[in-house]
Amino acid sequence: MDNAQMLTEVSKKIDVGGQAVIEGVMMRAPKSMTIAVRKPDGQIFTKEDVWHSISERIPFLKIPFFRGSVAILEALINGIQALTFSANQAVDEEDTPMGGWAMFFTISLSLGLALFLFVAVPHLLSALLTQLLGEETGVESFLFHLIDGILKIIIFVSYVWLISLSKEIRRVFEYHGAEHKSIYTYEAGESLSVENARKYSTLHPRCGTAFILIVLIMSILFFSVVFPFVPKLAGLPTILKQAIYIGFKILLMFPIAGVAYEILKFSSKRLTNPFVHTLILPGLWMQKLTTREPSDDQLEVALAALDRAIQIHNQAS
């Protein structure tokens, strides 16, 4: 057993998470972030950084329900950085760090497209459908938000299914499965070897896929409670009124995400509870679309990223 494996085995268990990227995996510990990719020549190349959450500098951001929104934003930034790095390595190009403005516009575009697809489109379709069903277009109706939530889930599942038809995305999903198997191996206290990781499931209760599904389901309940108290905006043109409602929904996504984060965090520590187990099942089912069984070569990459992330965290602590 080499020193790297020993360090990983004896270290105190920490919260680790990750993301599949192009031909690789990004892993993040509380004080580190590593990206391991398989280069065209077959070698594993690893980018390693000490990482600190903004909540370490602004303590109130660690407060429950605030920390969820912070975690999402940081995950988005880290994810874009990791994808950019992995894309460069996949074609054997030099990695050029993304500038501040480039990062800002990339994040803005990503968020904008996501909000349009998963907030604006379902809302407008719900308004149309409730009209056809003879209901008021007012968003105070529970039926409106039930239809809205169902449409969001249909759009999300359809989107994931469509992109999974791509050979390149299927490989990313295989690395996603490798990421989960690697984390399971670490959480079980086993040495980070392909042999140990191979037996674990590709489905993990703390996965971001499960988080998104919780957000979509929570939005049905949240909007149903809040919108009956929203002013009716009578007299405004329908398009303007619906645009204002969509804008308000976008603002509400932050507290919804905060609640969803706390639910995911709570449930991940109580998996043996029958109620919690039932609660996380939809997220696990959804991961059958977003993960695939990885090869040993892909597991090797994920384990390399995780091992270095843990070591760097321990050195920085």
C-alpha atoms as a PDB file:
ATOM      1  CA  MET A   1       0.000   0.000   0.000  1.00  0.00           C
ATOM      2  CA  ASP A   2       1.448   3.389  -0.995  1.00  0.00           C
ATOM      3  CA  ASN A   3       1.470   6.558   1.116  1.00  0.00           C
ATOM      4  CA  ALA A   4      -1.400   8.109  -0.826  1.00  0.00           C
ATOM      5  CA  GLN A   5      -3.716   5.202  -0.012  1.00  0.00           C
ATOM      6  CA  MET A   6      -2.659   5.259   3.639  1.00  0.00           C
ATOM      7  CA  LEU A   7      -3.379   8.970   3.926  1.00  0.00           C
ATOM      8  CA  THR A   8      -6.828   8.445   2.468  1.00  0.00           C
ATOM      9  CA  GLU A   9      -7.643   5.518   4.747  1.00  0.00           C
ATOM     10  CA  VAL A  10      -6.595   7.060   8.043  1.00  0.00           C
ATOM     11  CA  SER A  11      -8.006  10.529   7.468  1.00  0.00           C
ATOM     12  CA  LYS A  12     -11.171  11.544   9.266  1.00  0.00           C
ATOM     13  CA  LYS A  13     -14.260  11.225   7.087  1.00  0.00           C
ATOM     14  CA  ILE A  14     -15.218  14.494   5.444  1.00  0.00           C
ATOM     15  CA  ASP A  15     -18.074  15.507   3.169  1.00  0.00           C
ATOM     16  CA  VAL A  16     -17.026  15.011  -0.433  1.00  0.00           C
ATOM     17  CA  GLY A  17     -18.924  15.539  -3.644  1.00  0.00           C
ATOM     18  CA  GLY A  18     -18.204  15.775  -7.303  1.00  0.00           C
ATOM     19  CA  GLN A  19     -19.287  16.170 -10.869  1.00  0.00           C
ATOM     20  CA  ALA A  20     -18.663  14.223 -14.032  1.00  0.00           C
ATOM     21  CA  VAL A  21     -16.901  16.187 -16.759  1.00  0.00           C
ATOM     22  CA  ILE A  22     -15.608  15.401 -20.246  1.00  0.00           C
ATOM     23  CA  GLU A  23     -13.507  12.234 -19.936  1.00  0.00           C
ATOM     24  CA  GLY A  24     -13.076  12.811 -16.223  1.00  0.00           C
ATOM     25  CA  VAL A  25     -14.386  13.709 -12.790  1.00  0.00           C
ATOM     26  CA  MET A  26     -14.181  16.778 -10.570  1.00  0.00           C
ATOM     27  CA  MET A  27     -14.100  16.079  -6.824  1.00  0.00           C
ATOM     28  CA  ARG A  28     -14.489  18.650  -4.080  1.00  0.00           C
ATOM     29  CA  ALA A  29     -13.774  18.423  -0.369  1.00  0.00           C
ATOM     30  CA  PRO A  30     -14.401  21.291   2.096  1.00  0.00           C
ATOM     31  CA  LYS A  31     -10.923  22.752   1.428  1.00  0.00           C
ATOM     32  CA  SER A  32      -9.904  21.315  -1.924  1.00  0.00           C
ATOM     33  CA  MET A  33     -10.974  20.750  -5.506  1.00  0.00           C
ATOM     34  CA  THR A  34      -9.373  18.372  -7.993  1.00  0.00           C
ATOM     35  CA  ILE A  35     -10.150  17.477 -11.584  1.00  0.00           C
ATOM     36  CA  ALA A  36      -8.820  14.239 -13.066  1.00  0.00           C
ATOM     37  CA  VAL A  37      -9.186  13.569 -16.796  1.00  0.00           C
ATOM     38  CA  ARG A  38      -8.095  10.810 -19.132  1.00  0.00           C
ATOM     39  CA  LYS A  39      -6.021  12.455 -21.865  1.00  0.00           C
ATOM     40  CA  PRO A  40      -6.008  11.217 -25.477  1.00  0.00           C
ATOM     41  CA  ASP A  41      -2.699   9.401 -24.841  1.00  0.00           C
ATOM     42  CA  GLY A  42      -4.338   7.383 -22.040  1.00  0.00           C
ATOM     43  CA  GLN A  43      -2.590   9.128 -19.146  1.00  0.00           C
ATOM     44  CA  ILE A  44      -4.519  10.584 -16.196  1.00  0.00           C
ATOM     45  CA  PHE A  45      -3.895  14.296 -15.750  1.00  0.00           C
ATOM     46  CA  THR A  46      -4.938  15.930 -12.486  1.00  0.00           C
ATOM     47  CA  LYS A  47      -5.496  19.592 -11.697  1.00  0.00           C
ATOM     48  CA  GLU A  48      -5.333  20.279  -7.961  1.00  0.00           C
ATOM     49  CA  ASP A  49      -6.282  23.360  -5.962  1.00  0.00           C
ATOM     50  CA  VAL A  50      -6.837  24.392  -2.371  1.00  0.00           C
ATOM     51  CA  TRP A  51     -10.411  25.683  -2.279  1.00  0.00           C
ATOM     52  CA  HIS A  52     -12.308  27.801   0.241  1.00  0.00           C
ATOM     53  CA  SER A  53     -16.027  28.478   0.325  1.00  0.00           C
ATOM     54  CA  ILE A  54     -17.139  32.095   0.484  1.00  0.00           C
ATOM     55  CA  SER A  55     -19.040  31.121   3.648  1.00  0.00           C
ATOM     56  CA  GLU A  56     -15.679  30.876   5.442  1.00  0.00           C
ATOM     57  CA  ARG A  57     -15.249  34.628   4.915  1.00  0.00           C
ATOM     58  CA  ILE A  58     -18.923  35.502   5.432  1.00  0.00           C
ATOM     59  CA  PRO A  59     -20.055  33.287   8.349  1.00  0.00           C
ATOM     60  CA  PHE A  60     -23.788  34.071   8.170  1.00  0.00           C
ATOM     61  CA  LEU A  61     -23.867  32.257   4.806  1.00  0.00           C
ATOM     62  CA  LYS A  62     -23.407  29.018   6.778  1.00  0.00           C
ATOM     63  CA  ILE A  63     -26.832  29.484   8.373  1.00  0.00           C
ATOM     64  CA  PRO A  64     -29.331  26.796   7.301  1.00  0.00           C
ATOM     65  CA  PHE A  65     -31.465  27.842   4.303  1.00  0.00           C
ATOM     66  CA  PHE A  66     -28.838  30.449   3.304  1.00  0.00           C
ATOM     67  CA  ARG A  67     -26.111  27.874   2.730  1.00  0.00           C
ATOM     68  CA  GLY A  68     -28.152  26.028   0.102  1.00  0.00           C
ATOM     69  CA  SER A  69     -28.146  28.927  -2.367  1.00  0.00           C
ATOM     70  CA  VAL A  70     -24.423  29.492  -1.733  1.00  0.00           C
ATOM     71  CA  ALA A  71     -23.673  25.808  -2.333  1.00  0.00           C
ATOM     72  CA  ILE A  72     -25.574  25.858  -5.634  1.00  0.00           C
ATOM     73  CA  LEU A  73     -23.775  28.957  -6.905  1.00  0.00           C
ATOM     74  CA  GLU A  74     -20.369  27.597  -5.909  1.00  0.00           C
ATOM     75  CA  ALA A  75     -21.167  24.239  -7.509  1.00  0.00           C
ATOM     76  CA  LEU A  76     -22.133  26.029 -10.721  1.00  0.00           C
ATOM     77  CA  ILE A  77     -18.895  28.048 -10.783  1.00  0.00           C
ATOM     78  CA  ASN A  78     -16.754  25.008  -9.984  1.00  0.00           C
ATOM     79  CA  GLY A  79     -18.626  22.942 -12.552  1.00  0.00           C
ATOM     80  CA  ILE A  80     -18.066  25.431 -15.364  1.00  0.00           C
ATOM     81  CA  GLN A  81     -14.373  25.680 -14.474  1.00  0.00           C
ATOM     82  CA  ALA A  82     -14.073  21.883 -14.444  1.00  0.00           C
ATOM     83  CA  LEU A  83     -15.902  21.452 -17.748  1.00  0.00           C
ATOM     84  CA  THR A  84     -13.720  24.090 -19.422  1.00  0.00           C
ATOM     85  CA  PHE A  85     -10.564  22.409 -18.135  1.00  0.00           C
ATOM     86  CA  SER A  86     -11.703  18.926 -19.173  1.00  0.00           C
ATOM     87  CA  ALA A  87     -12.737  20.094 -22.645  1.00  0.00           C
ATOM     88  CA  ASN A  88      -9.252  21.548 -23.195  1.00  0.00           C
ATOM     89  CA  GLN A  89      -7.585  18.360 -21.978  1.00  0.00           C
ATOM     90  CA  ALA A  90      -9.808  16.163 -24.147  1.00  0.00           C
ATOM     91  CA  VAL A  91      -8.366  17.815 -27.265  1.00  0.00           C
ATOM     92  CA  ASP A  92      -4.909  18.104 -25.701  1.00  0.00           C
ATOM     93  CA  GLU A  93      -4.939  21.908 -25.569  1.00  0.00           C
ATOM     94  CA  GLU A  94      -3.337  24.114 -22.947  1.00  0.00           C
ATOM     95  CA  ASP A  95      -5.719  25.046 -20.154  1.00  0.00           C
ATOM     96  CA  THR A  96      -6.476  28.762 -20.120  1.00  0.00           C
ATOM     97  CA  PRO A  97      -8.243  29.939 -16.941  1.00  0.00           C
ATOM     98  CA  MET A  98     -11.571  31.615 -17.666  1.00  0.00           C
ATOM     99  CA  GLY A  99     -11.512  35.347 -16.962  1.00  0.00           C
ATOM    100  CA  GLY A 100     -13.900  37.035 -14.551  1.00  0.00           C
ATOM    101  CA  TRP A 101     -16.161  38.534 -17.216  1.00  0.00           C
ATOM    102  CA  ALA A 102     -16.178  35.321 -19.252  1.00  0.00           C
ATOM    103  CA  MET A 103     -17.176  33.383 -16.134  1.00  0.00           C
ATOM    104  CA  PHE A 104     -19.892  35.947 -15.333  1.00  0.00           C
ATOM    105  CA  PHE A 105     -21.424  35.742 -18.809  1.00  0.00           C
ATOM    106  CA  THR A 106     -21.183  31.937 -18.899  1.00  0.00           C
ATOM    107  CA  ILE A 107     -22.927  31.604 -15.533  1.00  0.00           C
ATOM    108  CA  SER A 108     -25.543  34.203 -16.511  1.00  0.00           C
ATOM    109  CA  LEU A 109     -26.263  32.386 -19.774  1.00  0.00           C
ATOM    110  CA  SER A 110     -26.463  28.995 -18.033  1.00  0.00           C
ATOM    111  CA  LEU A 111     -28.809  30.307 -15.339  1.00  0.00           C
ATOM    112  CA  GLY A 112     -30.865  32.222 -17.891  1.00  0.00           C
ATOM    113  CA  LEU A 113     -31.421  29.172 -20.090  1.00  0.00           C
ATOM    114  CA  ALA A 114     -32.253  26.979 -17.073  1.00  0.00           C
ATOM    115  CA  LEU A 115     -34.744  29.501 -15.686  1.00  0.00           C
ATOM    116  CA  PHE A 116     -36.351  29.961 -19.104  1.00  0.00           C
ATOM    117  CA  LEU A 117     -36.703  26.206 -19.651  1.00  0.00           C
ATOM    118  CA  PHE A 118     -37.756  25.196 -16.130  1.00  0.00           C
ATOM    119  CA  VAL A 119     -39.615  28.302 -14.884  1.00  0.00           C
ATOM    120  CA  ALA A 120     -40.896  30.457 -17.763  1.00  0.00           C
ATOM    121  CA  VAL A 121     -41.935  27.729 -20.224  1.00  0.00           C
ATOM    122  CA  PRO A 122     -43.882  25.597 -17.679  1.00  0.00           C
ATOM    123  CA  HIS A 123     -45.571  28.709 -16.270  1.00  0.00           C
ATOM    124  CA  LEU A 124     -46.781  29.924 -19.660  1.00  0.00           C
ATOM    125  CA  LEU A 125     -47.940  26.437 -20.665  1.00  0.00           C
ATOM    126  CA  SER A 126     -49.785  26.133 -17.340  1.00  0.00           C
ATOM    127  CA  ALA A 127     -51.561  29.439 -17.955  1.00  0.00           C
ATOM    128  CA  LEU A 128     -52.651  28.191 -21.370  1.00  0.00           C
ATOM    129  CA  LEU A 129     -53.782  24.789 -20.075  1.00  0.00           C
ATOM    130  CA  THR A 130     -55.769  26.206 -17.149  1.00  0.00           C
ATOM    131  CA  GLN A 131     -57.579  28.461 -19.610  1.00  0.00           C
ATOM    132  CA  LEU A 132     -58.433  25.446 -21.765  1.00  0.00           C
ATOM    133  CA  LEU A 133     -59.656  23.586 -18.659  1.00  0.00           C
ATOM    134  CA  GLY A 134     -61.931  26.487 -17.776  1.00  0.00           C
ATOM    135  CA  GLU A 135     -59.894  27.624 -14.762  1.00  0.00           C
ATOM    136  CA  GLU A 136     -58.866  31.205 -14.112  1.00  0.00           C
ATOM    137  CA  THR A 137     -55.432  32.136 -15.367  1.00  0.00           C
ATOM    138  CA  GLY A 138     -54.728  33.550 -11.901  1.00  0.00           C
ATOM    139  CA  VAL A 139     -51.868  31.799 -10.176  1.00  0.00           C
ATOM    140  CA  GLU A 140     -53.813  31.436  -6.916  1.00  0.00           C
ATOM    141  CA  SER A 141     -55.198  28.105  -8.157  1.00  0.00           C
ATOM    142  CA  PHE A 142     -53.603  24.929  -6.753  1.00  0.00           C
ATOM    143  CA  LEU A 143     -54.350  23.224 -10.075  1.00  0.00           C
ATOM    144  CA  PHE A 144     -52.206  25.838 -11.822  1.00  0.00           C
ATOM    145  CA  HIS A 145     -49.156  24.972  -9.715  1.00  0.00           C
ATOM    146  CA  LEU A 146     -49.797  21.242  -9.901  1.00  0.00           C
ATOM    147  CA  ILE A 147     -49.814  21.435 -13.710  1.00  0.00           C
ATOM    148  CA  ASP A 148     -46.778  23.734 -13.574  1.00  0.00           C
ATOM    149  CA  GLY A 149     -44.842  21.265 -11.410  1.00  0.00           C
ATOM    150  CA  ILE A 150     -45.788  18.255 -13.528  1.00  0.00           C
ATOM    151  CA  LEU A 151     -44.691  20.105 -16.673  1.00  0.00           C
ATOM    152  CA  LYS A 152     -41.350  20.986 -15.061  1.00  0.00           C
ATOM    153  CA  ILE A 153     -40.704  17.343 -14.236  1.00  0.00           C
ATOM    154  CA  ILE A 154     -41.738  16.230 -17.748  1.00  0.00           C
ATOM    155  CA  ILE A 155     -39.440  18.826 -19.336  1.00  0.00           C
ATOM    156  CA  PHE A 156     -36.553  17.871 -17.047  1.00  0.00           C
ATOM    157  CA  VAL A 157     -36.906  14.120 -17.650  1.00  0.00           C
ATOM    158  CA  SER A 158     -37.323  14.666 -21.404  1.00  0.00           C
ATOM    159  CA  TYR A 159     -34.262  16.909 -21.523  1.00  0.00           C
ATOM    160  CA  VAL A 160     -32.095  14.358 -19.690  1.00  0.00           C
ATOM    161  CA  TRP A 161     -33.380  11.534 -21.889  1.00  0.00           C
ATOM    162  CA  LEU A 162     -32.714  13.475 -25.092  1.00  0.00           C
ATOM    163  CA  ILE A 163     -29.135  14.404 -24.202  1.00  0.00           C
ATOM    164  CA  SER A 164     -28.484  10.811 -23.094  1.00  0.00           C
ATOM    165  CA  LEU A 165     -28.899   9.766 -26.741  1.00  0.00           C
ATOM    166  CA  SER A 166     -25.548  11.426 -27.462  1.00  0.00           C
ATOM    167  CA  LYS A 167     -22.554   9.084 -27.289  1.00  0.00           C
ATOM    168  CA  GLU A 168     -20.449  11.816 -25.650  1.00  0.00           C
ATOM    169  CA  ILE A 169     -23.064  12.496 -22.968  1.00  0.00           C
ATOM    170  CA  ARG A 170     -23.410   8.775 -22.268  1.00  0.00           C
ATOM    171  CA  ARG A 171     -19.688   8.723 -21.473  1.00  0.00           C
ATOM    172  CA  VAL A 172     -20.202  11.663 -19.105  1.00  0.00           C
ATOM    173  CA  PHE A 173     -22.985   9.657 -17.432  1.00  0.00           C
ATOM    174  CA  GLU A 174     -20.556   6.724 -17.083  1.00  0.00           C
ATOM    175  CA  TYR A 175     -18.106   9.033 -15.306  1.00  0.00           C
ATOM    176  CA  HIS A 176     -21.054  10.185 -13.167  1.00  0.00           C
ATOM    177  CA  GLY A 177     -21.531   6.565 -12.111  1.00  0.00           C
ATOM    178  CA  ALA A 178     -17.791   6.301 -11.403  1.00  0.00           C
ATOM    179  CA  GLU A 179     -17.986   9.407  -9.210  1.00  0.00           C
ATOM    180  CA  HIS A 180     -20.734   7.847  -7.077  1.00  0.00           C
ATOM    181  CA  LYS A 181     -18.974   4.492  -6.751  1.00  0.00           C
ATOM    182  CA  SER A 182     -15.783   6.254  -5.640  1.00  0.00           C
ATOM    183  CA  ILE A 183     -17.597   8.272  -2.978  1.00  0.00           C
ATOM    184  CA  TYR A 184     -19.354   5.147  -1.697  1.00  0.00           C
ATOM    185  CA  THR A 185     -15.957   3.443  -1.375  1.00  0.00           C
ATOM    186  CA  TYR A 186     -14.576   6.333   0.681  1.00  0.00           C
ATOM    187  CA  GLU A 187     -17.688   6.532   2.866  1.00  0.00           C
ATOM    188  CA  ALA A 188     -17.404   2.794   3.571  1.00  0.00           C
ATOM    189  CA  GLY A 189     -13.864   3.321   4.880  1.00  0.00           C
ATOM    190  CA  GLU A 190     -12.265   1.164   2.201  1.00  0.00           C
ATOM    191  CA  SER A 191      -9.057   1.906   0.318  1.00  0.00           C
ATOM    192  CA  LEU A 192      -9.682   3.729  -2.934  1.00  0.00           C
ATOM    193  CA  SER A 193      -9.094   0.913  -5.393  1.00  0.00           C
ATOM    194  CA  VAL A 194     -10.961  -0.098  -8.525  1.00  0.00           C
ATOM    195  CA  GLU A 195     -11.607  -3.524  -7.012  1.00  0.00           C
ATOM    196  CA  ASN A 196     -13.340  -1.994  -3.977  1.00  0.00           C
ATOM    197  CA  ALA A 197     -15.287   0.623  -5.941  1.00  0.00           C
ATOM    198  CA  ARG A 198     -16.579  -1.704  -8.628  1.00  0.00           C
ATOM    199  CA  LYS A 199     -19.210  -3.364  -6.408  1.00  0.00           C
ATOM    200  CA  TYR A 200     -21.021  -0.192  -5.366  1.00  0.00           C
ATOM    201  CA  SER A 201     -24.148   1.339  -6.876  1.00  0.00           C
ATOM    202  CA  THR A 202     -24.081   4.166  -9.402  1.00  0.00           C
ATOM    203  CA  LEU A 203     -27.018   5.759  -7.525  1.00  0.00           C
ATOM    204  CA  HIS A 204     -26.226   8.079  -4.614  1.00  0.00           C
ATOM    205  CA  PRO A 205     -28.744   9.853  -2.322  1.00  0.00           C
ATOM    206  CA  ARG A 206     -26.777  13.139  -2.251  1.00  0.00           C
ATOM    207  CA  CYS A 207     -26.595  13.452  -6.032  1.00  0.00           C
ATOM    208  CA  GLY A 208     -27.374  16.784  -7.679  1.00  0.00           C
ATOM    209  CA  THR A 209     -29.994  15.023  -9.804  1.00  0.00           C
ATOM    210  CA  ALA A 210     -31.925  14.213  -6.629  1.00  0.00           C
ATOM    211  CA  PHE A 211     -31.560  17.838  -5.518  1.00  0.00           C
ATOM    212  CA  ILE A 212     -33.077  19.143  -8.765  1.00  0.00           C
ATOM    213  CA  LEU A 213     -36.020  16.773  -8.419  1.00  0.00           C
ATOM    214  CA  ILE A 214     -36.621  17.921  -4.823  1.00  0.00           C
ATOM    215  CA  VAL A 215     -36.582  21.552  -6.010  1.00  0.00           C
ATOM    216  CA  LEU A 216     -39.165  20.787  -8.706  1.00  0.00           C
ATOM    217  CA  ILE A 217     -41.480  18.984  -6.266  1.00  0.00           C
ATOM    218  CA  MET A 218     -41.003  21.627  -3.547  1.00  0.00           C
ATOM    219  CA  SER A 219     -41.940  24.374  -6.005  1.00  0.00           C
ATOM    220  CA  ILE A 220     -45.442  22.900  -6.351  1.00  0.00           C
ATOM    221  CA  LEU A 221     -46.059  23.158  -2.601  1.00  0.00           C
ATOM    222  CA  PHE A 222     -44.255  26.480  -2.155  1.00  0.00           C
ATOM    223  CA  PHE A 223     -46.008  28.306  -5.001  1.00  0.00           C
ATOM    224  CA  SER A 224     -49.401  26.879  -3.983  1.00  0.00           C
ATOM    225  CA  VAL A 225     -49.013  28.393  -0.509  1.00  0.00           C
ATOM    226  CA  VAL A 226     -47.477  31.744  -1.497  1.00  0.00           C
ATOM    227  CA  PHE A 227     -49.295  32.788  -4.679  1.00  0.00           C
ATOM    228  CA  PRO A 228     -52.825  33.054  -3.223  1.00  0.00           C
ATOM    229  CA  PHE A 229     -51.448  36.041  -1.249  1.00  0.00           C
ATOM    230  CA  VAL A 230     -49.891  37.701  -4.310  1.00  0.00           C
ATOM    231  CA  PRO A 231     -51.793  40.750  -5.658  1.00  0.00           C
ATOM    232  CA  LYS A 232     -53.978  39.885  -8.670  1.00  0.00           C
ATOM    233  CA  LEU A 233     -52.448  42.687 -10.800  1.00  0.00           C
ATOM    234  CA  ALA A 234     -55.854  43.398 -12.309  1.00  0.00           C
ATOM    235  CA  GLY A 235     -55.848  45.788 -15.240  1.00  0.00           C
ATOM    236  CA  LEU A 236     -52.393  44.849 -16.491  1.00  0.00           C
ATOM    237  CA  PRO A 237     -51.981  43.237 -19.922  1.00  0.00           C
ATOM    238  CA  THR A 238     -51.892  39.439 -19.646  1.00  0.00           C
ATOM    239  CA  ILE A 239     -48.349  39.142 -21.024  1.00  0.00           C
ATOM    240  CA  LEU A 240     -46.983  41.725 -18.570  1.00  0.00           C
ATOM    241  CA  LYS A 241     -48.867  40.123 -15.677  1.00  0.00           C
ATOM    242  CA  GLN A 242     -47.477  36.671 -16.482  1.00  0.00           C
ATOM    243  CA  ALA A 243     -43.964  38.125 -16.874  1.00  0.00           C
ATOM    244  CA  ILE A 244     -44.204  39.642 -13.367  1.00  0.00           C
ATOM    245  CA  TYR A 245     -45.391  36.306 -11.955  1.00  0.00           C
ATOM    246  CA  ILE A 246     -42.485  34.518 -13.661  1.00  0.00           C
ATOM    247  CA  GLY A 247     -40.042  37.057 -12.214  1.00  0.00           C
ATOM    248  CA  PHE A 248     -41.492  36.498  -8.748  1.00  0.00           C
ATOM    249  CA  LYS A 249     -41.161  32.740  -9.189  1.00  0.00           C
ATOM    250  CA  ILE A 250     -37.504  33.157 -10.105  1.00  0.00           C
ATOM    251  CA  LEU A 251     -36.913  35.094  -6.869  1.00  0.00           C
ATOM    252  CA  LEU A 252     -38.680  32.356  -4.900  1.00  0.00           C
ATOM    253  CA  MET A 253     -36.382  29.702  -6.375  1.00  0.00           C
ATOM    254  CA  PHE A 254     -33.635  30.801  -3.950  1.00  0.00           C
ATOM    255  CA  PRO A 255     -35.547  29.981  -0.727  1.00  0.00           C
ATOM    256  CA  ILE A 256     -36.917  26.831  -2.394  1.00  0.00           C
ATOM    257  CA  ALA A 257     -33.366  25.740  -3.214  1.00  0.00           C
ATOM    258  CA  GLY A 258     -32.360  26.496   0.373  1.00  0.00           C
ATOM    259  CA  VAL A 259     -35.119  24.255   1.740  1.00  0.00           C
ATOM    260  CA  ALA A 260     -34.321  21.510  -0.801  1.00  0.00           C
ATOM    261  CA  TYR A 261     -30.657  21.588   0.220  1.00  0.00           C
ATOM    262  CA  GLU A 262     -31.586  21.124   3.888  1.00  0.00           C
ATOM    263  CA  ILE A 263     -33.918  18.231   3.006  1.00  0.00           C
ATOM    264  CA  LEU A 264     -31.135  16.532   1.034  1.00  0.00           C
ATOM    265  CA  LYS A 265     -28.634  17.106   3.834  1.00  0.00           C
ATOM    266  CA  PHE A 266     -31.075  15.817   6.460  1.00  0.00           C
ATOM    267  CA  SER A 267     -32.071  12.728   4.480  1.00  0.00           C
ATOM    268  CA  SER A 268     -28.481  11.730   3.621  1.00  0.00           C
ATOM    269  CA  LYS A 269     -27.788  11.139   7.339  1.00  0.00           C
ATOM    270  CA  ARG A 270     -30.959   9.095   7.958  1.00  0.00           C
ATOM    271  CA  LEU A 271     -31.106   6.676   5.052  1.00  0.00           C
ATOM    272  CA  THR A 272     -32.241   3.748   7.219  1.00  0.00           C
ATOM    273  CA  ASN A 273     -35.406   5.599   8.234  1.00  0.00           C
ATOM    274  CA  PRO A 274     -38.335   4.153   6.186  1.00  0.00           C
ATOM    275  CA  PHE A 275     -39.887   7.592   5.607  1.00  0.00           C
ATOM    276  CA  VAL A 276     -36.576   9.092   4.461  1.00  0.00           C
ATOM    277  CA  HIS A 277     -35.902   6.084   2.244  1.00  0.00           C
ATOM    278  CA  THR A 278     -39.272   6.610   0.538  1.00  0.00           C
ATOM    279  CA  LEU A 279     -38.545  10.336   0.202  1.00  0.00           C
ATOM    280  CA  ILE A 280     -35.278   9.796  -1.693  1.00  0.00           C
ATOM    281  CA  LEU A 281     -36.568   7.064  -4.022  1.00  0.00           C
ATOM    282  CA  PRO A 282     -37.649   9.445  -6.857  1.00  0.00           C
ATOM    283  CA  GLY A 283     -34.157  10.970  -6.883  1.00  0.00           C
ATOM    284  CA  LEU A 284     -32.568   7.526  -7.074  1.00  0.00           C
ATOM    285  CA  TRP A 285     -34.917   6.502  -9.886  1.00  0.00           C
ATOM    286  CA  MET A 286     -34.017   9.671 -11.787  1.00  0.00           C
ATOM    287  CA  GLN A 287     -30.336   8.784 -11.530  1.00  0.00           C
ATOM    288  CA  LYS A 288     -31.018   5.702 -13.627  1.00  0.00           C
ATOM    289  CA  LEU A 289     -31.116   8.211 -16.489  1.00  0.00           C
ATOM    290  CA  THR A 290     -28.112  10.314 -15.457  1.00  0.00           C
ATOM    291  CA  THR A 291     -25.669   7.546 -14.514  1.00  0.00           C
ATOM    292  CA  ARG A 292     -24.299   4.514 -16.331  1.00  0.00           C
ATOM    293  CA  GLU A 293     -22.106   1.624 -15.237  1.00  0.00           C
ATOM    294  CA  PRO A 294     -18.484   2.815 -15.647  1.00  0.00           C
ATOM    295  CA  SER A 295     -15.482   0.903 -16.952  1.00  0.00           C
ATOM    296  CA  ASP A 296     -12.486   0.176 -14.732  1.00  0.00           C
ATOM    297  CA  ASP A 297     -10.564   2.897 -16.586  1.00  0.00           C
ATOM    298  CA  GLN A 298     -13.240   5.437 -15.679  1.00  0.00           C
ATOM    299  CA  LEU A 299     -13.274   4.289 -12.061  1.00  0.00           C
ATOM    300  CA  GLU A 300      -9.516   4.786 -11.961  1.00  0.00           C
ATOM    301  CA  VAL A 301      -9.944   8.430 -13.001  1.00  0.00           C
ATOM    302  CA  ALA A 302     -12.673   9.112 -10.419  1.00  0.00           C
ATOM    303  CA  LEU A 303     -10.660   7.476  -7.637  1.00  0.00           C
ATOM    304  CA  ALA A 304      -7.577   9.507  -8.560  1.00  0.00           C
ATOM    305  CA  ALA A 305      -9.582  12.747  -8.303  1.00  0.00           C
ATOM    306  CA  LEU A 306     -11.104  11.765  -4.960  1.00  0.00           C
ATOM    307  CA  ASP A 307      -7.827  10.571  -3.451  1.00  0.00           C
ATOM    308  CA  ARG A 308      -6.044  13.830  -4.259  1.00  0.00           C
ATOM    309  CA  ALA A 309      -8.995  15.960  -3.085  1.00  0.00           C
ATOM    310  CA  ILE A 310      -8.899  14.254   0.320  1.00  0.00           C
ATOM    311  CA  GLN A 311      -5.127  14.561   0.636  1.00  0.00           C
ATOM    312  CA  ILE A 312      -5.091  18.256  -0.278  1.00  0.00           C
ATOM    313  CA  HIS A 313      -7.950  18.933   2.150  1.00  0.00           C
ATOM    314  CA  ASN A 314      -6.047  17.193   4.951  1.00  0.00           C
ATOM    315  CA  GLN A 315      -2.906  19.190   4.195  1.00  0.00           C
ATOM    316  CA  ALA A 316      -4.871  22.465   4.173  1.00  0.00           C
ATOM    317  CA  SER A 317      -6.703  21.721   7.439  1.00  0.00           C
END
